[in-house]
Amino acid sequence: MNSKSKLLEKINSIYKKLKIFADEYKIISRVELREKIKDLLQEIPLNKDDEKFLEENYDSTPINYL
């Protein structure tokens, strides 16, 4: 699996976990969920290729679906 696939897999995993939490407890708004995901993404070490990939494909990441 290439690094881009791994990165999207991590993003999807974060999104799913937070979405389940938000839906189950109804204590976080979509805006808060989006911010939480962005914060968690900051913790994922990215190389320049990953950063470029995220910028180019932002519209297809789960963050954009919120």
Protein backbone atom coordinates (compact mmCIF):
# COMPACT_ATOMS: atom_id res chain seq x y z
CA MET A 1 0.00 0.00 0.00
CA ASN A 2 1.45 3.38 -0.93
CA SER A 3 1.72 6.28 1.47
CA LYS A 4 -1.25 8.09 -0.08
CA SER A 5 -3.50 5.10 0.50
CA LYS A 6 -2.25 4.80 4.06
CA LEU A 7 -2.90 8.48 4.64
CA LEU A 8 -6.46 8.27 3.34
CA GLU A 9 -6.97 5.14 5.43
CA LYS A 10 -5.88 7.06 8.54
CA ILE A 11 -8.17 9.97 7.69
CA ASN A 12 -11.11 7.65 7.10
CA SER A 13 -10.42 5.86 10.37
CA ILE A 14 -10.33 9.12 12.32
CA TYR A 15 -13.50 10.31 10.63
CA LYS A 16 -15.42 7.10 11.33
CA LYS A 17 -14.42 7.02 15.01
CA LEU A 18 -15.35 10.64 15.60
CA LYS A 19 -18.56 10.38 13.60
CA ILE A 20 -19.69 7.36 15.63
CA PHE A 21 -18.87 9.22 18.84
CA ALA A 22 -20.70 12.34 17.68
CA ASP A 23 -23.76 10.44 16.52
CA GLU A 24 -23.94 8.29 19.62
CA TYR A 25 -23.56 11.03 22.20
CA LYS A 26 -24.96 14.03 20.27
CA ILE A 27 -22.51 16.27 22.06
CA ILE A 28 -20.45 17.54 19.18
CA SER A 29 -21.54 19.66 16.26
CA ARG A 30 -20.37 19.12 12.70
CA VAL A 31 -18.16 22.19 13.01
CA GLU A 32 -16.60 20.80 16.19
CA LEU A 33 -16.18 17.43 14.50
CA ARG A 34 -14.44 19.02 11.54
CA GLU A 35 -12.11 20.95 13.86
CA LYS A 36 -11.36 17.82 15.89
CA ILE A 37 -10.44 15.93 12.73
CA LYS A 38 -8.18 18.77 11.60
CA ASP A 39 -6.49 18.73 15.01
CA LEU A 40 -5.97 14.97 14.83
CA LEU A 41 -4.60 15.25 11.31
CA GLN A 42 -1.93 17.59 12.65
CA GLU A 43 -0.67 14.66 14.73
CA ILE A 44 -0.13 12.46 11.65
CA PRO A 45 3.40 12.89 10.37
CA LEU A 46 3.19 13.96 6.74
CA ASN A 47 5.90 14.18 4.17
CA LYS A 48 5.78 16.75 1.36
CA ASP A 49 4.09 14.29 -1.02
CA ASP A 50 1.35 13.59 1.54
CA GLU A 51 0.75 17.29 2.12
CA LYS A 52 0.53 17.95 -1.61
CA PHE A 53 -1.81 14.98 -2.05
CA LEU A 54 -4.11 16.23 0.71
CA GLU A 55 -4.21 19.71 -0.78
CA GLU A 56 -5.00 18.37 -4.25
CA ASN A 57 -7.61 15.87 -3.01
CA TYR A 58 -9.16 17.76 -0.12
CA ASP A 59 -12.62 17.66 -1.71
CA SER A 60 -12.60 13.87 -1.70
CA THR A 61 -11.59 13.46 1.95
CA PRO A 62 -14.18 12.78 4.65
CA ILE A 63 -13.51 16.18 6.21
CA ASN A 64 -15.17 17.80 3.23
CA TYR A 65 -18.29 15.66 3.68
CA LEU A 66 -19.11 17.16 7.06
